[in-house]
Protein backbone atom coordinates (compact mmCIF):
# COMPACT_ATOMS: atom_id res chain seq x y z
CA MET A 1 123.62 131.55 99.13
CA ALA A 2 123.69 128.69 96.66
CA THR A 3 124.87 125.26 97.80
CA VAL A 4 127.28 123.82 95.24
CA LEU A 5 128.54 120.27 95.43
CA PRO A 6 132.32 119.83 95.17
CA ALA A 7 133.37 118.90 91.63
CA ALA A 8 134.79 115.54 92.73
CA THR A 9 131.58 114.64 94.56
CA LEU A 10 129.48 115.69 91.60
CA ARG A 11 131.57 113.56 89.23
CA ALA A 12 131.27 110.55 91.54
CA LEU A 13 127.49 110.90 91.80
CA GLN A 14 127.12 111.29 88.05
CA ALA A 15 129.29 108.21 87.46
CA GLN A 16 127.23 106.07 89.83
CA LEU A 17 123.92 107.23 88.35
CA GLU A 18 125.13 106.64 84.81
CA ALA A 19 126.39 103.17 85.76
CA ALA A 20 123.00 102.31 87.28
CA ARG A 21 121.18 103.41 84.13
CA ALA A 22 123.55 101.52 81.83
CA LEU A 23 123.09 98.33 83.85
CA GLY A 24 119.30 98.63 84.13
CA LEU A 25 119.44 99.27 87.89
CA GLU A 26 117.98 102.79 87.93
CA ARG A 27 115.19 103.37 90.42
CA LEU A 28 112.06 104.99 89.00
CA PRO A 29 109.94 107.35 91.12
CA GLY A 30 106.39 106.11 91.63
CA LYS A 31 107.00 102.49 90.68
CA GLY A 32 106.08 99.58 92.96
CA SER A 33 103.68 96.77 93.89
CA ASN A 34 100.86 96.13 96.35
CA ASP A 35 99.76 93.13 98.37
CA TRP A 36 97.67 92.69 101.47
CA VAL A 37 95.82 90.04 103.43
CA ILE A 38 92.72 90.51 105.60
CA ALA A 39 91.84 88.18 108.46
CA GLY A 40 88.40 86.61 108.72
CA SER A 41 87.64 88.81 111.72
CA ARG A 42 87.40 91.71 109.25
CA THR A 43 85.50 89.99 106.41
CA ALA A 44 81.84 89.21 105.78
CA SER A 45 82.58 85.53 105.17
CA GLY A 46 84.68 85.02 108.29
CA LYS A 47 87.56 83.77 106.14
CA PRO A 48 90.60 85.69 104.85
CA ILE A 49 90.82 87.65 101.59
CA LEU A 50 94.24 88.08 99.93
CA ALA A 51 95.07 90.59 97.17
CA ASP A 52 98.15 91.19 95.06
CA ASP A 53 99.15 93.28 92.04
CA PRO A 54 102.87 93.30 91.17
CA HIS A 55 103.91 96.44 89.27
CA LEU A 56 106.40 95.91 86.46
CA ALA A 57 107.29 97.22 83.04
CA LEU A 58 104.41 96.42 80.69
CA SER A 59 105.18 94.60 77.48
CA SER A 60 103.74 92.64 74.59
CA PRO A 61 103.33 89.71 75.03
CA MET A 62 102.53 90.14 78.72
CA LEU A 63 105.03 88.70 81.19
CA TRP A 64 102.61 86.47 83.07
CA TYR A 65 100.77 83.39 81.86
CA LEU A 66 97.59 82.51 83.74
CA ALA A 67 97.70 78.80 84.47
CA ASP A 68 95.89 76.03 86.33
CA VAL A 69 98.50 73.37 87.12
CA GLN A 70 97.19 70.00 88.27
CA GLY A 71 98.86 66.73 89.21
CA PRO A 72 98.44 63.80 91.61
CA ARG A 73 99.25 66.05 94.62
CA LEU A 74 99.11 69.47 93.00
CA ARG A 75 96.19 71.85 92.51
CA ALA A 76 97.68 75.30 91.87
CA ILE A 77 96.31 78.23 89.89
CA GLY A 78 97.55 81.77 89.31
CA ALA A 79 100.29 83.54 87.39
CA THR A 80 103.41 81.86 86.12
CA ILE A 81 106.14 82.76 83.63
CA PRO A 82 106.32 80.62 80.48
CA GLY A 83 108.92 77.93 81.04
CA LEU A 84 108.63 77.78 84.82
CA PRO A 85 107.21 74.50 86.22
CA GLY A 86 104.88 76.05 88.78
CA ILE A 87 102.77 79.00 89.92
CA VAL A 88 104.68 82.12 91.02
CA ILE A 89 101.74 84.10 92.46
CA GLY A 90 98.41 82.49 93.29
CA ARG A 91 96.91 79.67 95.31
CA ASN A 92 96.49 75.95 95.60
CA ASP A 93 93.51 74.15 97.14
CA ARG A 94 94.49 75.18 100.70
CA VAL A 95 96.77 78.22 100.78
CA ALA A 96 97.18 81.50 98.87
CA TRP A 97 100.09 83.90 98.54
CA GLY A 98 101.09 87.20 96.98
CA VAL A 99 104.35 89.13 96.64
CA THR A 100 105.83 92.61 96.48
CA ASN A 101 109.49 93.60 96.41
CA VAL A 102 111.11 94.22 99.81
CA ASN A 103 113.88 96.29 98.16
CA PRO A 104 116.64 95.39 100.61
CA ASP A 105 120.23 96.42 99.88
CA VAL A 106 121.73 93.19 98.53
CA GLN A 107 124.28 94.62 96.06
CA ASP A 108 127.69 96.19 96.52
CA LEU A 109 130.24 97.65 94.12
CA TYR A 110 133.90 96.83 94.76
CA ILE A 111 136.70 98.82 93.17
CA GLU A 112 139.31 96.13 92.74
CA PRO A 113 142.95 97.17 93.31
CA ASP A 114 145.78 96.82 90.83
CA GLY A 115 146.92 93.24 90.76
CA ALA A 116 143.59 91.82 91.91
CA LYS A 117 143.15 88.23 90.79
CA LEU A 118 140.68 88.13 87.92
CA THR A 119 139.38 85.22 85.90
CA ALA A 120 138.04 85.52 82.36
CA ARG A 121 135.75 83.47 80.21
CA THR A 122 134.39 83.98 76.72
CA GLU A 123 130.67 83.79 76.04
CA VAL A 124 129.57 83.29 72.44
CA ILE A 125 126.35 84.95 71.28
CA LYS A 126 124.90 83.49 68.09
CA VAL A 127 123.42 86.07 65.69
CA LYS A 128 121.35 84.89 62.75
CA GLY A 129 123.00 85.74 59.45
CA GLN A 130 125.92 87.47 61.18
CA PRO A 131 129.25 86.37 62.67
CA ASP A 132 129.22 85.17 66.26
CA VAL A 133 129.72 87.84 68.93
CA HIS A 134 132.43 86.95 71.45
CA LEU A 135 131.99 88.56 74.86
CA THR A 136 134.80 88.38 77.40
CA VAL A 137 133.49 88.32 80.97
CA ARG A 138 135.97 89.09 83.74
CA GLU A 139 135.29 88.23 87.37
CA SER A 140 136.92 88.89 90.71
CA GLU A 141 136.22 87.11 93.97
CA HIS A 142 133.36 89.56 94.50
CA GLY A 143 131.61 89.09 91.16
CA PRO A 144 131.60 90.13 87.50
CA ILE A 145 133.55 93.21 86.41
CA ILE A 146 130.79 95.56 85.27
CA SER A 147 133.07 98.48 84.38
CA ASP A 148 133.56 96.68 81.06
CA VAL A 149 129.87 97.17 80.22
CA GLY A 150 128.70 100.44 81.72
CA ALA A 151 130.38 101.43 84.99
CA GLY A 152 133.78 102.45 83.68
CA ALA A 153 133.46 105.96 85.10
CA VAL A 154 133.45 104.56 88.65
CA GLY A 155 136.77 102.80 88.17
CA PRO A 156 138.73 100.53 85.82
CA ARG A 157 137.87 97.31 87.68
CA VAL A 158 134.46 97.58 89.34
CA ALA A 159 132.92 94.28 90.49
CA LEU A 160 129.26 93.72 91.34
CA LYS A 161 128.55 91.52 94.35
CA TRP A 162 124.91 90.50 94.43
CA THR A 163 123.10 87.76 96.28
CA ALA A 164 121.34 86.72 93.05
CA LEU A 165 124.69 85.98 91.37
CA GLN A 166 126.09 83.73 94.07
CA PRO A 167 126.10 79.93 93.81
CA GLY A 168 123.49 77.86 95.59
CA ASP A 169 120.38 79.77 94.54
CA THR A 170 117.41 77.59 95.49
CA THR A 171 114.67 80.16 94.84
CA LEU A 172 112.93 77.97 92.25
CA GLU A 173 112.74 75.15 94.81
CA ALA A 174 111.08 77.62 97.19
CA PHE A 175 108.36 78.44 94.67
CA LEU A 176 107.75 74.76 93.99
CA GLY A 177 107.40 74.25 97.74
CA LEU A 178 104.77 76.99 97.88
CA ASN A 179 102.77 75.20 95.19
CA TYR A 180 102.55 72.11 97.42
CA ALA A 181 102.21 73.87 100.80
CA ARG A 182 99.26 72.79 102.96
CA ASN A 183 99.67 75.13 105.91
CA TRP A 184 101.83 77.86 107.50
CA PRO A 185 104.67 75.48 108.57
CA ASP A 186 104.90 74.17 104.98
CA PHE A 187 104.85 77.73 103.67
CA VAL A 188 107.66 78.85 105.99
CA ALA A 189 109.71 75.74 105.22
CA ALA A 190 109.49 76.51 101.51
CA LEU A 191 110.57 80.13 102.05
CA LYS A 192 113.71 79.02 103.89
CA ARG A 193 115.02 78.04 100.45
CA TYR A 194 114.24 81.47 98.97
CA VAL A 195 117.34 83.51 97.96
CA ALA A 196 116.53 86.47 95.68
CA PRO A 197 115.00 88.88 94.96
CA SER A 198 113.63 89.33 98.46
CA GLN A 199 109.84 89.59 98.46
CA ASN A 200 107.07 90.51 100.90
CA PHE A 201 105.05 87.28 100.91
CA VAL A 202 101.53 87.56 102.29
CA TYR A 203 99.76 84.32 103.22
CA ALA A 204 96.28 83.01 103.90
CA ASP A 205 94.76 79.55 104.24
CA VAL A 206 91.33 77.93 104.26
CA ASP A 207 91.59 77.33 108.01
CA GLY A 208 91.48 81.11 108.54
CA ASN A 209 95.14 81.87 109.23
CA ILE A 210 97.01 84.82 107.75
CA GLY A 211 100.71 85.65 107.79
CA TYR A 212 103.63 87.51 106.29
CA TYR A 213 107.30 86.71 105.68
CA ALA A 214 110.13 88.57 103.92
CA PRO A 215 112.59 85.81 102.95
CA GLY A 216 115.85 86.03 101.04
CA ARG A 217 119.54 86.48 101.64
CA VAL A 218 120.24 89.95 103.03
CA PRO A 219 123.94 90.60 103.73
CA ILE A 220 125.28 91.73 107.08
CA ARG A 221 127.87 94.53 106.88
CA ARG A 222 129.95 95.52 109.90
CA GLY A 223 131.09 99.14 110.06
CA TRP A 224 129.78 100.20 106.62
CA ASP A 225 126.36 100.46 105.02
CA GLY A 226 126.89 99.66 101.32
CA SER A 227 125.63 103.03 100.12
CA LEU A 228 128.82 103.77 98.12
CA PRO A 229 131.39 101.72 96.18
CA VAL A 230 134.13 100.34 98.44
CA PRO A 231 137.73 99.20 97.89
CA GLY A 232 138.14 95.50 97.20
CA ASP A 233 140.90 95.28 99.79
CA GLY A 234 139.26 92.81 102.17
CA GLN A 235 138.13 95.47 104.64
CA HIS A 236 134.52 95.63 103.44
CA GLU A 237 133.31 92.06 103.25
CA TRP A 238 129.92 90.60 104.08
CA THR A 239 130.02 88.72 107.38
CA GLY A 240 126.98 86.55 106.65
CA PHE A 241 123.26 86.97 106.06
CA ILE A 242 120.40 87.98 108.34
CA PRO A 243 119.23 84.73 109.98
CA PHE A 244 115.94 83.49 108.51
CA ALA A 245 114.18 83.52 111.89
CA GLN A 246 115.08 87.22 112.32
CA LEU A 247 113.80 88.37 108.94
CA PRO A 248 110.53 90.38 109.15
CA HIS A 249 107.53 88.08 109.67
CA THR A 250 104.23 87.75 111.50
CA PHE A 251 101.53 85.11 111.90
CA ASN A 252 97.90 85.90 112.73
CA PRO A 253 98.55 89.50 113.86
CA ALA A 254 96.05 90.76 116.40
CA HIS A 255 94.80 93.59 114.18
CA GLY A 256 93.97 91.15 111.38
CA LEU A 257 95.57 93.07 108.53
CA VAL A 258 98.92 93.04 106.70
CA VAL A 259 99.62 95.63 103.98
CA THR A 260 102.81 96.01 101.94
CA ALA A 261 103.53 98.39 99.07
CA ASN A 262 107.34 98.37 98.85
CA ASN A 263 107.29 100.53 101.98
CA LYS A 264 109.55 100.18 105.00
CA VAL A 265 108.62 96.92 106.75
CA VAL A 266 110.78 97.04 109.89
CA PRO A 267 110.42 99.29 112.95
CA GLU A 268 113.06 101.59 114.33
CA GLY A 269 115.50 99.54 116.36
CA TYR A 270 115.47 96.51 114.05
CA PRO A 271 118.90 94.98 114.75
CA PHE A 272 119.98 94.58 111.12
CA ASN A 273 120.46 96.96 108.20
CA LEU A 274 117.76 95.90 105.78
CA GLY A 275 118.21 99.08 103.76
CA ASN A 276 117.65 102.80 104.12
CA ILE A 277 115.32 105.50 102.90
CA ARG A 278 116.64 105.15 99.35
CA ASN A 279 115.39 101.55 99.25
CA TRP A 280 111.81 102.10 100.36
CA ALA A 281 108.96 103.32 98.21
CA GLU A 282 107.17 106.48 99.17
CA PRO A 283 104.46 105.71 101.77
CA TYR A 284 101.49 106.92 99.74
CA ARG A 285 100.17 103.59 98.43
CA ALA A 286 100.53 101.77 101.76
CA GLU A 287 98.85 104.69 103.55
CA ARG A 288 95.94 104.79 101.12
CA ILE A 289 95.37 101.01 101.13
CA THR A 290 95.41 100.88 104.93
CA ALA A 291 93.04 103.84 105.20
CA LEU A 292 90.52 102.36 102.76
CA LEU A 293 90.57 98.92 104.37
CA THR A 294 90.16 100.29 107.89
CA GLN A 295 87.31 102.64 106.96
CA LYS A 296 85.16 99.51 107.11
CA PRO A 297 86.61 97.58 110.06
CA ARG A 298 84.26 94.59 109.61
CA GLU A 299 82.31 92.80 106.88
CA LEU A 300 84.79 93.43 104.05
CA THR A 301 83.99 91.62 100.78
CA VAL A 302 85.76 90.83 97.53
CA ASP A 303 83.95 93.81 95.97
CA ASP A 304 85.40 96.07 98.68
CA VAL A 305 88.87 94.76 97.95
CA LYS A 306 88.34 95.36 94.22
CA ARG A 307 87.59 99.01 94.92
CA VAL A 308 90.80 99.35 96.90
CA GLN A 309 92.91 97.61 94.26
CA LEU A 310 91.50 99.91 91.57
CA ASP A 311 91.66 103.15 93.59
CA THR A 312 93.10 106.12 91.70
CA VAL A 313 92.94 108.94 94.27
CA SER A 314 96.31 110.68 94.53
CA LEU A 315 97.71 111.36 98.00
CA VAL A 316 100.59 113.07 96.22
CA TRP A 317 98.09 115.71 95.07
CA ARG A 318 96.74 115.95 98.62
CA ASP A 319 100.20 116.86 99.92
CA LEU A 320 101.32 119.09 97.04
CA LYS A 321 97.97 120.87 96.61
CA PRO A 322 98.59 123.82 99.01
CA PHE A 323 101.89 124.67 97.32
CA LEU A 324 100.65 124.23 93.75
CA LEU A 325 97.46 126.25 94.18
CA ALA A 326 99.39 129.10 95.82
CA THR A 327 101.45 129.53 92.63
CA ARG A 328 101.36 132.90 90.95
CA PRO A 329 100.48 132.22 87.29
CA ASP A 330 102.72 133.44 84.50
CA GLY A 331 100.21 134.12 81.75
CA ASP A 332 96.61 133.27 81.00
CA LEU A 333 97.29 129.62 80.18
CA SER A 334 98.80 129.04 83.61
CA ARG A 335 95.85 130.83 85.20
CA GLN A 336 93.37 128.61 83.38
CA ALA A 337 95.31 125.52 84.39
CA LEU A 338 95.21 126.53 88.05
CA GLU A 339 91.45 127.07 87.81
CA GLN A 340 91.10 123.52 86.46
CA LEU A 341 92.94 122.21 89.50
CA ARG A 342 90.88 124.11 92.09
CA GLY A 343 88.22 121.87 93.57
CA TRP A 344 89.72 118.67 92.12
CA ASN A 345 89.41 115.70 94.47
CA GLY A 346 92.64 114.07 93.27
CA ASP A 347 90.96 111.18 91.44
CA GLU A 348 93.10 110.49 88.35
CA ARG A 349 90.43 109.41 85.86
CA ILE A 350 90.74 109.44 82.08
CA ASP A 351 87.58 111.55 81.58
CA VAL A 352 88.72 114.66 83.47
CA VAL A 353 91.31 117.39 82.87
CA PRO A 354 93.07 118.02 86.22
CA PRO A 355 95.26 114.88 86.28
CA THR A 356 96.73 115.87 82.92
CA ILE A 357 97.86 119.23 84.31
CA PHE A 358 98.96 117.80 87.65
CA GLU A 359 101.11 114.99 86.23
CA ALA A 360 102.68 117.26 83.60
CA TRP A 361 103.50 119.82 86.29
CA LEU A 362 104.87 117.18 88.66
CA ALA A 363 107.11 115.87 85.87
CA GLU A 364 108.58 119.36 85.50
CA LEU A 365 109.09 119.75 89.25
CA GLN A 366 110.87 116.40 89.44
CA GLN A 367 113.65 117.87 87.30
CA MET A 368 114.64 120.52 89.86
CA ALA A 369 117.89 118.76 90.87
CA GLN A 370 119.20 118.43 87.33
CA ASP A 371 121.04 121.77 87.31
CA GLU A 372 122.79 120.85 90.58
CA LEU A 373 123.74 117.32 89.51
CA GLY A 374 124.27 118.08 85.84
CA ASP A 375 122.38 115.01 84.63
CA GLY A 376 118.87 113.64 84.10
CA THR A 377 118.09 112.78 87.73
CA ARG A 378 114.38 112.90 88.57
CA LEU A 379 113.25 113.43 92.16
CA SER A 380 110.53 111.38 93.78
CA SER A 381 107.28 113.16 94.56
CA LEU A 382 108.16 113.01 98.26
CA ALA A 383 111.51 114.70 97.59
CA VAL A 384 109.68 117.43 95.66
CA LEU A 385 107.32 117.90 98.60
CA ASN A 386 110.22 118.19 101.05
CA GLN A 387 111.87 120.87 98.90
CA LEU A 388 108.65 122.89 98.68
CA ARG A 389 108.04 122.62 102.41
CA ALA A 390 111.54 123.85 103.24
CA ASN A 391 111.93 126.29 100.34
CA GLY A 392 114.90 124.08 99.57
CA GLN A 393 118.08 124.84 97.67
CA LEU A 394 117.12 122.55 94.80
CA CYS A 395 114.47 125.10 93.77
CA ARG A 396 117.27 127.50 92.85
CA ASN A 397 118.49 127.51 89.27
CA GLU A 398 122.24 127.04 89.70
CA ARG A 399 122.91 127.40 85.98
CA ASN A 400 121.23 130.77 85.64
CA GLU A 401 121.15 132.89 88.79
CA THR A 402 120.05 136.02 86.96
CA THR A 403 116.90 134.89 85.14
CA GLY A 404 116.18 131.45 86.59
CA PRO A 405 114.06 130.83 89.71
CA GLN A 406 115.82 131.55 93.00
CA ASP A 407 113.26 130.06 95.39
CA CYS A 408 110.45 127.50 95.34
CA ALA A 409 107.80 130.10 94.51
CA GLY A 410 109.74 130.90 91.37
CA GLU A 411 110.28 127.22 90.58
CA LEU A 412 106.56 126.55 90.85
CA GLN A 413 105.74 129.43 88.52
CA VAL A 414 108.34 128.50 85.90
CA SER A 415 107.59 124.76 86.00
CA LEU A 416 103.84 125.35 85.61
CA LYS A 417 104.44 127.52 82.56
CA ARG A 418 106.70 124.88 81.00
CA ALA A 419 104.08 122.20 81.65
CA VAL A 420 101.12 124.10 80.19
CA ASP A 421 103.11 125.28 77.18
CA ARG A 422 104.00 121.66 76.39
CA LEU A 423 100.39 120.56 76.83
CA ALA A 424 99.10 123.37 74.63
CA ALA A 425 101.54 122.45 71.88
CA ARG A 426 100.26 118.89 72.02
CA LEU A 427 96.55 119.21 72.85
CA GLY A 428 95.63 122.73 71.76
CA PRO A 429 95.30 126.08 73.54
CA ASN A 430 92.13 125.36 75.54
CA PRO A 431 92.82 123.49 78.82
CA ALA A 432 89.18 122.42 78.99
CA GLY A 433 89.99 119.89 76.27
CA TRP A 434 93.02 118.35 77.98
CA THR A 435 91.27 115.23 79.27
CA TYR A 436 93.63 112.71 80.81
CA GLY A 437 92.73 109.83 78.50
CA LYS A 438 94.10 111.73 75.50
CA VAL A 439 97.65 111.43 76.84
CA HIS A 440 97.61 108.75 79.54
CA THR A 441 97.43 105.55 77.55
CA VAL A 442 99.15 102.31 78.44
CA ALA A 443 102.07 101.37 76.20
CA SER A 444 102.38 97.57 76.15
CA ASN A 445 105.02 97.46 73.46
CA HIS A 446 106.79 94.50 71.91
CA ARG A 447 110.40 94.29 73.04
CA ALA A 448 111.73 93.25 69.61
CA PHE A 449 109.33 94.69 67.04
CA GLY A 450 107.67 97.52 68.96
CA GLY A 451 110.12 100.10 67.64
CA VAL A 452 109.98 98.91 64.03
CA LYS A 453 107.76 101.37 62.19
CA ALA A 454 106.34 98.82 59.79
CA LEU A 455 105.50 96.32 62.54
CA GLY A 456 104.82 98.30 65.70
CA TRP A 457 101.12 98.77 64.90
CA LEU A 458 100.71 94.99 64.82
CA PHE A 459 102.63 94.06 67.98
CA ASN A 460 102.05 97.05 70.29
CA HIS A 461 98.85 97.47 72.31
CA SER A 462 97.44 100.61 73.89
CA THR A 463 94.34 101.88 75.65
CA PRO A 464 93.53 104.85 77.97
CA THR A 465 94.13 104.08 81.65
CA ASN A 466 93.17 105.60 84.99
CA GLY A 467 95.69 106.22 87.76
CA GLY A 468 98.95 108.08 88.17
CA THR A 469 102.06 108.56 90.27
CA ASN A 470 101.76 106.64 93.55
CA THR A 471 98.05 105.90 93.28
CA VAL A 472 97.10 102.42 94.54
CA ASN A 473 96.26 101.47 90.96
CA VAL A 474 99.67 102.75 90.05
CA ALA A 475 100.08 104.21 86.58
CA ARG A 476 103.07 106.55 86.69
CA PRO A 477 103.12 108.60 83.48
CA ASP A 478 106.30 108.78 81.46
CA PRO A 479 107.66 112.29 82.12
CA ASP A 480 108.04 113.08 78.43
CA THR A 481 104.94 111.51 76.88
CA LEU A 482 102.63 111.01 79.91
CA ARG A 483 102.03 107.46 78.66
CA GLN A 484 101.94 104.58 81.12
CA THR A 485 104.78 102.09 80.68
CA GLN A 486 104.77 100.58 84.21
CA GLY A 487 101.83 99.26 86.16
CA PRO A 488 99.94 96.31 87.64
CA SER A 489 101.25 93.46 85.52
CA TYR A 490 98.74 91.05 87.08
CA ARG A 491 95.90 91.36 89.59
CA GLN A 492 94.46 88.73 91.89
CA ILE A 493 91.93 88.69 94.74
CA ILE A 494 91.60 85.34 96.52
CA ASP A 495 88.58 84.48 98.64
CA LEU A 496 89.51 81.80 101.17
CA SER A 497 85.84 81.15 101.98
CA ASP A 498 85.27 79.80 98.47
CA LEU A 499 88.47 79.53 96.44
CA ASN A 500 86.65 79.23 93.12
CA ARG A 501 85.08 82.67 93.69
CA SER A 502 88.57 84.17 93.51
CA ILE A 503 89.40 86.42 90.56
CA TYR A 504 92.45 87.42 88.51
CA VAL A 505 93.44 89.16 85.29
CA GLY A 506 96.50 89.85 83.14
CA THR A 507 97.35 92.94 81.10
CA LEU A 508 97.01 91.59 77.56
CA GLY A 509 96.31 87.95 76.69
CA GLN A 510 97.58 84.41 76.83
CA SER A 511 98.92 84.36 73.27
CA GLY A 512 101.91 86.01 71.64
CA ASN A 513 100.49 85.48 68.15
CA PRO A 514 99.49 88.95 66.89
CA PHE A 515 96.89 87.38 64.58
CA GLY A 516 95.35 85.16 67.28
CA ASP A 517 92.13 85.67 69.24
CA HIS A 518 93.85 85.78 72.62
CA VAL A 519 96.74 88.16 72.09
CA SER A 520 95.04 91.08 73.87
CA ASP A 521 91.57 89.95 74.95
CA GLN A 522 92.29 90.72 78.62
CA GLN A 523 93.48 94.29 78.08
CA GLN A 524 90.06 95.95 78.11
CA LEU A 525 89.09 93.93 81.21
CA TRP A 526 92.32 95.02 82.92
CA ALA A 527 91.89 98.68 81.98
CA ALA A 528 88.22 98.72 83.05
CA GLY A 529 88.94 97.06 86.40
CA GLU A 530 87.28 93.78 85.54
CA TYR A 531 88.50 90.26 86.23
CA LEU A 532 88.33 86.63 85.14
CA PRO A 533 87.23 83.76 87.40
CA MET A 534 90.24 82.25 89.21
CA SER A 535 88.44 78.95 89.30
CA THR A 536 89.53 75.36 88.75
CA ASP A 537 85.97 74.44 87.82
CA ALA A 538 85.66 74.31 84.02
CA GLN A 539 81.97 75.27 84.27
CA ASP A 540 83.02 78.74 85.43
CA TRP A 541 84.81 79.36 82.14
CA GLY A 542 82.22 78.57 79.53
CA ARG A 543 83.66 77.19 76.27
CA THR A 544 87.19 75.86 76.78
CA THR A 545 89.81 73.87 74.92
CA THR A 546 92.34 71.58 76.55
CA LEU A 547 96.00 71.15 75.62
CA THR A 548 97.54 67.97 77.03
CA LEU A 549 101.31 67.54 77.00
CA THR A 550 102.49 63.94 77.21
CA PRO A 551 106.21 63.32 77.85
CA GLN A 552 107.81 61.11 75.22
CA ARG A 553 109.20 57.90 76.72
């Protein structure tokens, strides 16, 4: 018996999903970041090692700028964003830090009633060679009215309340405090000024301490959970924020290891609602990182941490493998594809065929809810696994109950055929030639000129890349092209026993000049799993040039 959502519920879900996409708030399966810190009790040097790789949309020029910022009291090096007066992720001469997104629920949609008091202001956008664009922005007491720009299907007056839009944001001051921090108390004092977006900060210092804190304003809701839009009638207001001292944190944990990968960071029974299962990433990356680091409980080195940061073994394949390999093939091409998958160890490398078939097949399976919801929703790999385990209703084709699949065995058969037919049309009829590197290439495209046919070749940068959905070295393929558009936007490994032996790398280069020498000279290092010295000693860099900026008096 098919389960059909009521029409009103379906319309509401579609409206919310469409609003999220229009506003750039859509969650993508298999996207995330990693950071971890290892105590000296687990390392060969006796001092901590800290690693971080934030996963973001990849672009040209790259988001991050690798910088060594020095002053009378400042010695900070790492990744910054052009225009910011400090290091965002990195170290100074005593402490190191890394970040991943906590993903707490810090936004709410309010459907404002008729007669709600709204203010309006006009913002003028200058366009070269064209008339000015005048944009009217309406606001209620809860925040800007977003139904004017993409959430109109939810209601005529939908306001977005978000911690990042409220006055008094001192997050930049927090980052500046981190740059000057000398110890854990300084570090914690700086994070008290942190507002949004909430991050998992891992910490280490030269004295051998390690720690973790998840700062930021997280609203407290009484009697509701924020999962759906609410009336703006005064009955669903925030009653404050989780007190800083009660946010998740630890200092020198007994087991000597802290790992975060956008996974759930609070135990059952935590007294506040930090979020729910929709907020957390699937557990695969955190599980794999922890397993690799604990395989060698002592004497870990920077080289060991490199191998973990660059790991491309898929635990998604491990879990889906029994269901996929039990599929009854529909045709010889499906049979050959299944034979390619048998015996595969799940390592998503560019020189082998199985990851091409697996990721294409997974992309097809992730569409199984689209006939129920009537839109382009894509399931996470964990949601796909849960449906296969339970022979779930989403495997049924609700649009075509006569010829479409009616159980998960049928869905597996049909989705495999779709996947291999698409691959054959693109790569030829012989699966033996479908090596992953032919399709899985990073797309670091220019935001302005990348789509201009005459200029894209000059501004866009691409190279084959290892990794896939929810691997530690995350490289989720685009479901249509299998290209990588999200990934580690920066990597760092910091050795607290000798800070100048630390390493880091960006995705492209320091320059945005497409004709310059440094526009993409880090890309091949990044793709190959190599690094640059994260050293403040000029001798570690070879030939250098110095740019000195002197303020005009």
